[in-house]
Amino acid sequence: MKKNKLVASFEFDFSLLAIVSQLKEYKMAWYLNEELGISLIKQADVVFQFIDSVKLYISNYKYETEHNSVRLLINRSLEESSSTKRHLIPELKQFDYLMLMEGTDDNLDPFITRNHLRNVPGIQLISVIEVEPLKSKENLIF
Protein backbone atom coordinates (compact mmCIF):
# COMPACT_ATOMS: atom_id res chain seq x y z
CA MET A 1 0.00 0.00 0.00
CA LYS A 2 1.32 3.39 -0.98
CA LYS A 3 1.94 5.81 1.89
CA ASN A 4 1.47 9.53 1.52
CA LYS A 5 3.51 11.92 3.55
CA LEU A 6 2.35 15.41 4.42
CA VAL A 7 5.11 17.97 4.16
CA ALA A 8 4.29 21.31 5.73
CA SER A 9 6.42 24.40 5.64
CA PHE A 10 5.98 27.43 7.83
CA GLU A 11 7.22 30.97 7.59
CA PHE A 12 9.23 31.99 10.60
CA ASP A 13 8.71 35.72 10.27
CA PHE A 14 9.67 36.62 13.81
CA SER A 15 12.85 37.51 15.63
CA LEU A 16 14.08 35.39 18.51
CA LEU A 17 16.05 36.55 21.54
CA ALA A 18 17.38 34.00 24.02
CA ILE A 19 17.99 35.10 27.62
CA VAL A 20 19.97 33.63 30.51
CA SER A 21 18.59 34.84 33.82
CA GLN A 22 17.78 33.51 37.28
CA LEU A 23 14.85 35.94 37.61
CA LYS A 24 11.39 34.52 38.24
CA GLU A 25 9.11 34.75 35.21
CA TYR A 26 6.87 37.48 36.63
CA LYS A 27 9.90 39.60 37.53
CA MET A 28 11.40 39.13 34.07
CA ALA A 29 8.10 40.19 32.48
CA TRP A 30 7.98 43.25 34.75
CA TYR A 31 11.53 44.32 33.78
CA LEU A 32 10.77 43.85 30.07
CA ASN A 33 7.59 45.91 30.44
CA GLU A 34 9.52 48.71 32.13
CA GLU A 35 12.47 48.74 29.74
CA LEU A 36 10.57 48.31 26.47
CA GLY A 37 7.42 50.26 27.32
CA ILE A 38 5.17 47.28 26.64
CA SER A 39 2.64 45.37 28.73
CA LEU A 40 3.33 41.64 28.78
CA ILE A 41 0.34 39.81 30.29
CA LYS A 42 0.37 36.24 31.63
CA GLN A 43 -1.46 33.86 29.29
CA ALA A 44 -2.58 30.28 29.79
CA ASP A 45 0.30 27.81 29.73
CA VAL A 46 1.04 26.35 26.32
CA VAL A 47 0.83 22.54 26.38
CA PHE A 48 2.73 20.43 23.86
CA GLN A 49 1.84 16.75 23.51
CA PHE A 50 4.57 14.78 21.77
CA ILE A 51 4.37 11.36 20.15
CA ASP A 52 6.27 9.70 23.01
CA SER A 53 3.45 10.79 25.40
CA VAL A 54 5.57 13.51 26.91
CA LYS A 55 3.83 16.78 27.69
CA LEU A 56 5.54 20.14 27.99
CA TYR A 57 3.87 22.91 29.96
CA ILE A 58 5.39 26.21 28.89
CA SER A 59 4.61 29.42 30.73
CA ASN A 60 4.13 32.41 28.48
CA TYR A 61 3.44 36.12 28.55
CA LYS A 62 2.12 38.08 25.60
CA TYR A 63 1.90 41.67 24.44
CA GLU A 64 -0.02 42.39 21.28
CA THR A 65 -1.00 45.46 19.30
CA GLU A 66 -2.52 45.83 15.86
CA HIS A 67 0.90 45.59 14.17
CA ASN A 68 3.18 43.90 16.73
CA SER A 69 3.43 40.92 19.00
CA VAL A 70 5.93 40.09 21.74
CA ARG A 71 5.91 36.77 23.56
CA LEU A 72 8.06 35.77 26.54
CA LEU A 73 8.38 31.99 26.94
CA ILE A 74 10.18 29.91 29.53
CA ASN A 75 12.43 27.45 27.73
CA ARG A 76 11.88 24.57 30.17
CA SER A 77 8.74 22.68 31.08
CA LEU A 78 6.97 23.74 34.27
CA GLU A 79 6.30 20.13 35.18
CA GLU A 80 9.50 18.17 34.98
CA SER A 81 10.00 14.55 35.82
CA SER A 82 12.94 13.75 38.05
CA SER A 83 14.66 11.79 35.30
CA THR A 84 14.77 14.36 32.49
CA LYS A 85 14.43 18.07 32.00
CA ARG A 86 12.45 18.93 28.91
CA HIS A 87 13.02 22.13 26.96
CA LEU A 88 10.89 23.90 24.39
CA ILE A 89 13.98 24.30 22.18
CA PRO A 90 16.46 21.60 23.25
CA GLU A 91 19.24 23.13 21.13
CA LEU A 92 19.03 26.22 23.35
CA LYS A 93 18.83 24.49 26.74
CA GLN A 94 21.46 26.82 28.20
CA PHE A 95 18.94 29.69 27.88
CA ASP A 96 16.16 30.22 30.43
CA TYR A 97 13.82 32.46 28.40
CA LEU A 98 12.89 32.94 24.77
CA MET A 99 11.45 36.20 23.48
CA LEU A 100 9.61 36.12 20.14
CA MET A 101 9.07 39.46 18.43
CA GLU A 102 7.10 39.95 15.25
CA GLY A 103 5.61 42.93 13.54
CA THR A 104 6.39 46.08 11.65
CA ASP A 105 7.43 48.35 14.51
CA ASP A 106 11.04 49.54 14.25
CA ASN A 107 11.21 49.63 18.07
CA LEU A 108 11.21 45.82 18.02
CA ASP A 109 14.43 45.40 16.08
CA PRO A 110 16.15 42.42 17.76
CA PHE A 111 19.61 43.99 17.89
CA ILE A 112 18.38 47.30 19.31
CA THR A 113 16.22 45.42 21.83
CA ARG A 114 19.16 43.20 22.82
CA ASN A 115 21.39 46.21 23.44
CA HIS A 116 18.64 47.94 25.41
CA LEU A 117 17.98 44.90 27.63
CA ARG A 118 21.64 44.37 28.53
CA ASN A 119 21.11 46.96 31.28
CA VAL A 120 18.36 44.97 33.01
CA PRO A 121 19.51 43.70 36.40
CA GLY A 122 19.33 39.92 36.51
CA ILE A 123 19.92 39.32 32.79
CA GLN A 124 23.26 37.60 32.50
CA LEU A 125 23.29 37.00 28.75
CA ILE A 126 21.02 37.92 25.87
CA SER A 127 21.54 36.73 22.29
CA VAL A 128 19.81 37.13 18.96
CA ILE A 129 19.15 33.64 17.60
CA GLU A 130 18.74 32.69 13.95
CA VAL A 131 15.52 30.63 13.75
CA GLU A 132 15.98 28.72 10.48
CA PRO A 133 18.85 26.42 11.56
CA LEU A 134 17.04 25.24 14.73
CA LYS A 135 15.88 21.62 14.48
CA SER A 136 12.89 22.14 16.80
CA LYS A 137 11.80 25.51 15.43
CA GLU A 138 8.29 24.12 14.83
CA ASN A 139 7.78 24.23 18.60
CA LEU A 140 7.65 28.01 18.28
CA ILE A 141 4.54 27.89 16.07
CA PHE A 142 1.36 27.89 18.15
C-alpha atoms as a PDB file:
ATOM      1  CA  MET A   1       0.000   0.000   0.000  1.00  0.00           C
ATOM      2  CA  LYS A   2       1.318   3.387  -0.978  1.00  0.00           C
ATOM      3  CA  LYS A   3       1.940   5.813   1.888  1.00  0.00           C
ATOM      4  CA  ASN A   4       1.473   9.525   1.515  1.00  0.00           C
ATOM      5  CA  LYS A   5       3.507  11.920   3.552  1.00  0.00           C
ATOM      6  CA  LEU A   6       2.346  15.412   4.421  1.00  0.00           C
ATOM      7  CA  VAL A   7       5.115  17.969   4.165  1.00  0.00           C
ATOM      8  CA  ALA A   8       4.291  21.315   5.726  1.00  0.00           C
ATOM      9  CA  SER A   9       6.418  24.401   5.645  1.00  0.00           C
ATOM     10  CA  PHE A  10       5.979  27.431   7.831  1.00  0.00           C
ATOM     11  CA  GLU A  11       7.217  30.967   7.591  1.00  0.00           C
ATOM     12  CA  PHE A  12       9.231  31.989  10.602  1.00  0.00           C
ATOM     13  CA  ASP A  13       8.708  35.719  10.270  1.00  0.00           C
ATOM     14  CA  PHE A  14       9.668  36.618  13.805  1.00  0.00           C
ATOM     15  CA  SER A  15      12.850  37.507  15.628  1.00  0.00           C
ATOM     16  CA  LEU A  16      14.078  35.390  18.513  1.00  0.00           C
ATOM     17  CA  LEU A  17      16.047  36.547  21.543  1.00  0.00           C
ATOM     18  CA  ALA A  18      17.380  33.999  24.022  1.00  0.00           C
ATOM     19  CA  ILE A  19      17.989  35.101  27.618  1.00  0.00           C
ATOM     20  CA  VAL A  20      19.965  33.634  30.509  1.00  0.00           C
ATOM     21  CA  SER A  21      18.591  34.837  33.823  1.00  0.00           C
ATOM     22  CA  GLN A  22      17.777  33.515  37.275  1.00  0.00           C
ATOM     23  CA  LEU A  23      14.853  35.938  37.611  1.00  0.00           C
ATOM     24  CA  LYS A  24      11.388  34.523  38.238  1.00  0.00           C
ATOM     25  CA  GLU A  25       9.113  34.754  35.211  1.00  0.00           C
ATOM     26  CA  TYR A  26       6.868  37.483  36.632  1.00  0.00           C
ATOM     27  CA  LYS A  27       9.895  39.602  37.530  1.00  0.00           C
ATOM     28  CA  MET A  28      11.403  39.129  34.069  1.00  0.00           C
ATOM     29  CA  ALA A  29       8.095  40.186  32.481  1.00  0.00           C
ATOM     30  CA  TRP A  30       7.981  43.252  34.746  1.00  0.00           C
ATOM     31  CA  TYR A  31      11.525  44.316  33.778  1.00  0.00           C
ATOM     32  CA  LEU A  32      10.774  43.846  30.074  1.00  0.00           C
ATOM     33  CA  ASN A  33       7.590  45.905  30.442  1.00  0.00           C
ATOM     34  CA  GLU A  34       9.517  48.709  32.131  1.00  0.00           C
ATOM     35  CA  GLU A  35      12.473  48.738  29.736  1.00  0.00           C
ATOM     36  CA  LEU A  36      10.570  48.310  26.474  1.00  0.00           C
ATOM     37  CA  GLY A  37       7.417  50.264  27.315  1.00  0.00           C
ATOM     38  CA  ILE A  38       5.172  47.278  26.639  1.00  0.00           C
ATOM     39  CA  SER A  39       2.641  45.371  28.727  1.00  0.00           C
ATOM     40  CA  LEU A  40       3.328  41.636  28.783  1.00  0.00           C
ATOM     41  CA  ILE A  41       0.343  39.810  30.289  1.00  0.00           C
ATOM     42  CA  LYS A  42       0.366  36.239  31.631  1.00  0.00           C
ATOM     43  CA  GLN A  43      -1.455  33.864  29.291  1.00  0.00           C
ATOM     44  CA  ALA A  44      -2.585  30.284  29.790  1.00  0.00           C
ATOM     45  CA  ASP A  45       0.302  27.813  29.727  1.00  0.00           C
ATOM     46  CA  VAL A  46       1.041  26.346  26.317  1.00  0.00           C
ATOM     47  CA  VAL A  47       0.825  22.541  26.383  1.00  0.00           C
ATOM     48  CA  PHE A  48       2.731  20.433  23.859  1.00  0.00           C
ATOM     49  CA  GLN A  49       1.837  16.755  23.512  1.00  0.00           C
ATOM     50  CA  PHE A  50       4.574  14.783  21.775  1.00  0.00           C
ATOM     51  CA  ILE A  51       4.374  11.360  20.149  1.00  0.00           C
ATOM     52  CA  ASP A  52       6.273   9.704  23.010  1.00  0.00           C
ATOM     53  CA  SER A  53       3.450  10.787  25.399  1.00  0.00           C
ATOM     54  CA  VAL A  54       5.570  13.507  26.914  1.00  0.00           C
ATOM     55  CA  LYS A  55       3.832  16.779  27.688  1.00  0.00           C
ATOM     56  CA  LEU A  56       5.537  20.138  27.987  1.00  0.00           C
ATOM     57  CA  TYR A  57       3.875  22.908  29.956  1.00  0.00           C
ATOM     58  CA  ILE A  58       5.389  26.210  28.891  1.00  0.00           C
ATOM     59  CA  SER A  59       4.611  29.420  30.734  1.00  0.00           C
ATOM     60  CA  ASN A  60       4.132  32.411  28.475  1.00  0.00           C
ATOM     61  CA  TYR A  61       3.440  36.125  28.549  1.00  0.00           C
ATOM     62  CA  LYS A  62       2.122  38.079  25.602  1.00  0.00           C
ATOM     63  CA  TYR A  63       1.902  41.674  24.442  1.00  0.00           C
ATOM     64  CA  GLU A  64      -0.022  42.393  21.277  1.00  0.00           C
ATOM     65  CA  THR A  65      -1.005  45.464  19.297  1.00  0.00           C
ATOM     66  CA  GLU A  66      -2.521  45.835  15.858  1.00  0.00           C
ATOM     67  CA  HIS A  67       0.900  45.592  14.166  1.00  0.00           C
ATOM     68  CA  ASN A  68       3.183  43.898  16.732  1.00  0.00           C
ATOM     69  CA  SER A  69       3.434  40.924  18.998  1.00  0.00           C
ATOM     70  CA  VAL A  70       5.931  40.086  21.737  1.00  0.00           C
ATOM     71  CA  ARG A  71       5.908  36.772  23.557  1.00  0.00           C
ATOM     72  CA  LEU A  72       8.062  35.766  26.539  1.00  0.00           C
ATOM     73  CA  LEU A  73       8.379  31.994  26.938  1.00  0.00           C
ATOM     74  CA  ILE A  74      10.175  29.914  29.528  1.00  0.00           C
ATOM     75  CA  ASN A  75      12.433  27.453  27.730  1.00  0.00           C
ATOM     76  CA  ARG A  76      11.877  24.575  30.169  1.00  0.00           C
ATOM     77  CA  SER A  77       8.736  22.681  31.078  1.00  0.00           C
ATOM     78  CA  LEU A  78       6.969  23.745  34.271  1.00  0.00           C
ATOM     79  CA  GLU A  79       6.295  20.130  35.181  1.00  0.00           C
ATOM     80  CA  GLU A  80       9.502  18.169  34.984  1.00  0.00           C
ATOM     81  CA  SER A  81      10.005  14.552  35.819  1.00  0.00           C
ATOM     82  CA  SER A  82      12.935  13.752  38.052  1.00  0.00           C
ATOM     83  CA  SER A  83      14.658  11.786  35.297  1.00  0.00           C
ATOM     84  CA  THR A  84      14.767  14.355  32.494  1.00  0.00           C
ATOM     85  CA  LYS A  85      14.432  18.068  31.998  1.00  0.00           C
ATOM     86  CA  ARG A  86      12.447  18.928  28.910  1.00  0.00           C
ATOM     87  CA  HIS A  87      13.023  22.132  26.963  1.00  0.00           C
ATOM     88  CA  LEU A  88      10.886  23.900  24.394  1.00  0.00           C
ATOM     89  CA  ILE A  89      13.976  24.298  22.179  1.00  0.00           C
ATOM     90  CA  PRO A  90      16.464  21.595  23.246  1.00  0.00           C
ATOM     91  CA  GLU A  91      19.239  23.134  21.128  1.00  0.00           C
ATOM     92  CA  LEU A  92      19.031  26.223  23.355  1.00  0.00           C
ATOM     93  CA  LYS A  93      18.826  24.491  26.741  1.00  0.00           C
ATOM     94  CA  GLN A  94      21.461  26.820  28.196  1.00  0.00           C
ATOM     95  CA  PHE A  95      18.937  29.694  27.880  1.00  0.00           C
ATOM     96  CA  ASP A  96      16.156  30.218  30.434  1.00  0.00           C
ATOM     97  CA  TYR A  97      13.819  32.458  28.404  1.00  0.00           C
ATOM     98  CA  LEU A  98      12.889  32.943  24.766  1.00  0.00           C
ATOM     99  CA  MET A  99      11.455  36.204  23.484  1.00  0.00           C
ATOM    100  CA  LEU A 100       9.612  36.117  20.138  1.00  0.00           C
ATOM    101  CA  MET A 101       9.067  39.459  18.427  1.00  0.00           C
ATOM    102  CA  GLU A 102       7.098  39.955  15.254  1.00  0.00           C
ATOM    103  CA  GLY A 103       5.614  42.926  13.538  1.00  0.00           C
ATOM    104  CA  THR A 104       6.393  46.083  11.651  1.00  0.00           C
ATOM    105  CA  ASP A 105       7.431  48.353  14.514  1.00  0.00           C
ATOM    106  CA  ASP A 106      11.044  49.536  14.246  1.00  0.00           C
ATOM    107  CA  ASN A 107      11.208  49.630  18.069  1.00  0.00           C
ATOM    108  CA  LEU A 108      11.209  45.823  18.025  1.00  0.00           C
ATOM    109  CA  ASP A 109      14.429  45.403  16.075  1.00  0.00           C
ATOM    110  CA  PRO A 110      16.149  42.423  17.761  1.00  0.00           C
ATOM    111  CA  PHE A 111      19.610  43.992  17.886  1.00  0.00           C
ATOM    112  CA  ILE A 112      18.385  47.296  19.309  1.00  0.00           C
ATOM    113  CA  THR A 113      16.223  45.420  21.827  1.00  0.00           C
ATOM    114  CA  ARG A 114      19.158  43.204  22.822  1.00  0.00           C
ATOM    115  CA  ASN A 115      21.386  46.208  23.438  1.00  0.00           C
ATOM    116  CA  HIS A 116      18.637  47.944  25.410  1.00  0.00           C
ATOM    117  CA  LEU A 117      17.984  44.905  27.630  1.00  0.00           C
ATOM    118  CA  ARG A 118      21.641  44.370  28.529  1.00  0.00           C
ATOM    119  CA  ASN A 119      21.109  46.964  31.282  1.00  0.00           C
ATOM    120  CA  VAL A 120      18.360  44.970  33.011  1.00  0.00           C
ATOM    121  CA  PRO A 121      19.514  43.697  36.399  1.00  0.00           C
ATOM    122  CA  GLY A 122      19.334  39.917  36.513  1.00  0.00           C
ATOM    123  CA  ILE A 123      19.923  39.316  32.786  1.00  0.00           C
ATOM    124  CA  GLN A 124      23.263  37.595  32.505  1.00  0.00           C
ATOM    125  CA  LEU A 125      23.292  36.998  28.748  1.00  0.00           C
ATOM    126  CA  ILE A 126      21.018  37.915  25.867  1.00  0.00           C
ATOM    127  CA  SER A 127      21.543  36.731  22.288  1.00  0.00           C
ATOM    128  CA  VAL A 128      19.811  37.131  18.959  1.00  0.00           C
ATOM    129  CA  ILE A 129      19.150  33.636  17.595  1.00  0.00           C
ATOM    130  CA  GLU A 130      18.739  32.688  13.945  1.00  0.00           C
ATOM    131  CA  VAL A 131      15.516  30.633  13.751  1.00  0.00           C
ATOM    132  CA  GLU A 132      15.984  28.724  10.476  1.00  0.00           C
ATOM    133  CA  PRO A 133      18.855  26.419  11.559  1.00  0.00           C
ATOM    134  CA  LEU A 134      17.041  25.241  14.727  1.00  0.00           C
ATOM    135  CA  LYS A 135      15.880  21.624  14.482  1.00  0.00           C
ATOM    136  CA  SER A 136      12.893  22.139  16.803  1.00  0.00           C
ATOM    137  CA  LYS A 137      11.799  25.515  15.431  1.00  0.00           C
ATOM    138  CA  GLU A 138       8.287  24.122  14.830  1.00  0.00           C
ATOM    139  CA  ASN A 139       7.784  24.227  18.604  1.00  0.00           C
ATOM    140  CA  LEU A 140       7.650  28.014  18.283  1.00  0.00           C
ATOM    141  CA  ILE A 141       4.543  27.890  16.065  1.00  0.00           C
ATOM    142  CA  PHE A 142       1.359  27.886  18.147  1.00  0.00           C
END
